[in-house]
Amino acid sequence: MKLFVDQEPLMLENGNTVNGLTIAYHTYGTLSRDKDNVVWICHALTGDSDAALWWRGLVGPGCLIDTERLFVVCANMIGSCYGSTEFSDAMGMVVTTRDQVRAFIRLRQHLQLPQIRLLIGGSMGGQHVLEWAVHEPAVIERIVPIATNARHLPWVVASNAAQRMAIEADSTFYTPLPGAGAAGLAAARAMAMIMYRTPLQYSLTQQPEDERISTYPSESYQRHQGRKLVERFTARAYYVLTRSMDSHDLGRGRGGAGAVLRSISAQTLSIGIDSDLLFPESEQQFIADMVPRGQYRRLLSSAGHDAFLIHTERLATILHKSGIIS
């Protein structure tokens, strides 16, 4: 992991200023002489900058995103807890997806990358992909937003709000102690998993083998997922970043999402997941329909929203057949 520290203040949408902007990032491969082989990956809500690890099978030597011929960058969004600028005042802090993209642009400029051949990301990362395509149309050649949306709808905002309420209910969240809000974060993650998966997936993987009346596999699974996130993430970052997701609206101050999508000049492959409860297919179809050079592809899976992280082979097949990565 590398760190970029920018001494130029970053003004946020809400009027606050970030001084000493820090961005943690990974690069893989070698930049070509013409600097025309850049692939930039945007990670999801609780992801980090090590894309070759969490997108194993898609990113790496000999993979579709081949680090032997492409120069691949993945940066950790600000507000996260994986090396980039964090915010101590979680409840009072609003850092938007636009702010996060503007921070990425600072890193791009620092790395002296005049063009991004392909910008790809799923979920919250897909929101960043779309925002960035609007911010720098002359820089971004192709984009792949996956399992994402042009505007965060009230249904998903409500889900995120409920998760933050779980964190707020943990009295330790208001303290500066290490691990503050851990119990609330575990509960929030358990709530989120219901949106990330599907009823069919739970029936296939968490069905009890007997006629028990307690200690169900699905309950154990929820608690396990909560503990796993607590071990690698913080309640403060989760609180800040879910609010960032809620802020996502391509059309804010720009005449509406449809108008903004119609202005995107990048070749666009929008990918939806047929079983996604969090961002239904219709949202990715809307993106493809509105973008002038847009096309739509479907990833079939019973796994729900997280299928783009689980079924990397299926995703790679879709990307390969589309010709978006060349």
Foldseek 3Di string as FASTA:
>chain_A
DDKDWDQDWQQAPVGDIDGRWIKDKDKFADQDPVLQQEEEEEEAQQDARPCCVLLPQQDYPPHLVHSHRHIYMYIGFACFDHTTHHDPPLVPDAGALLSRLVSVVVVCVVVVRQAHLEYEYEASSLLNQLSNLLVCVVHYAEYEYELYFQAQDPVLLVLLVVLLVLLVVQVQLPPPDPLRSLRSQLQSQLSVQPQQFDPVVCCVPFQDPDDDDDDGSSVVVSNVRSVVCSVPGHSSSSSRSSSNRNNRHNCVVPPHSLVSLCPRPHQYEYEYECQRNNRHPVRSVSSQVRHPNRDYDYQYDNGYRCCVSVVSVSVSVVCVVVVSRD
